[in-house]
């Protein structure tokens, strides 16, 4: 899940550079990190993202 969210953040920042970012969710935590995986893990740790595993 963290890797998927990191890819979403990567898409957000790429679109932000191009000027069209409306369809992507921005980071939900304030962090000095520029690493997308770190940002995703911080979002999970802060409870901003919830997931349910389906077996």
Protein backbone atom coordinates (compact mmCIF):
# COMPACT_ATOMS: atom_id res chain seq x y z
CA UNK A 1 0.00 0.00 0.00
CA UNK A 2 2.83 2.39 0.78
CA UNK A 3 4.42 1.76 -2.61
CA UNK A 4 1.12 2.45 -4.36
CA UNK A 5 0.69 5.71 -2.43
CA UNK A 6 4.31 6.67 -3.24
CA UNK A 7 3.52 6.23 -6.95
CA UNK A 8 0.46 8.45 -6.52
CA UNK A 9 2.62 11.12 -4.89
CA UNK A 10 5.13 10.84 -7.71
CA UNK A 11 2.33 11.41 -10.23
CA UNK A 12 1.10 14.40 -8.20
CA UNK A 13 4.50 16.10 -8.17
CA UNK A 14 5.07 15.34 -11.86
CA UNK A 15 1.67 16.85 -12.75
CA UNK A 16 2.36 19.80 -10.45
CA UNK A 17 5.44 20.60 -12.51
CA UNK A 18 3.34 20.49 -15.66
CA UNK A 19 0.65 22.73 -14.17
CA UNK A 20 -2.23 20.22 -14.06
CA UNK A 21 -2.59 18.47 -10.74
CA UNK A 22 -6.34 18.54 -10.08
CA UNK A 23 -6.81 14.78 -10.42
CA UNK A 24 -4.09 13.79 -7.94
CA UNK A 25 -4.20 13.82 -4.14
CA UNK A 26 -1.47 15.98 -2.57
CA UNK A 27 0.51 14.84 0.47
CA UNK A 28 -1.64 14.72 3.62
CA UNK A 29 1.18 15.37 6.10
CA UNK A 30 3.68 18.18 6.50
CA UNK A 31 7.16 16.74 6.20
CA UNK A 32 10.58 18.01 5.22
CA UNK A 33 11.22 14.76 3.34
CA UNK A 34 11.31 14.74 -0.43
CA UNK A 35 11.19 10.96 -0.61
CA UNK A 36 7.77 9.78 -1.77
CA UNK A 37 7.93 6.47 0.07
CA UNK A 38 8.84 8.24 3.31
CA UNK A 39 5.91 10.62 2.86
CA UNK A 40 3.57 7.68 2.22
CA UNK A 41 4.79 5.86 5.34
CA UNK A 42 4.33 9.02 7.41
CA UNK A 43 0.76 9.29 6.11
CA UNK A 44 0.08 5.71 7.23
CA UNK A 45 1.74 6.30 10.62
CA UNK A 46 -0.32 9.42 11.28
CA UNK A 47 -3.55 7.60 10.44
CA UNK A 48 -4.34 9.72 7.39
CA UNK A 49 -4.61 6.61 5.21
CA UNK A 50 -6.50 3.49 6.17
CA UNK A 51 -6.60 0.22 4.31
CA UNK A 52 -8.36 -3.11 4.64
CA UNK A 53 -6.82 -6.34 3.45
CA UNK A 54 -9.19 -8.57 1.52
CA UNK A 55 -8.31 -12.24 1.52
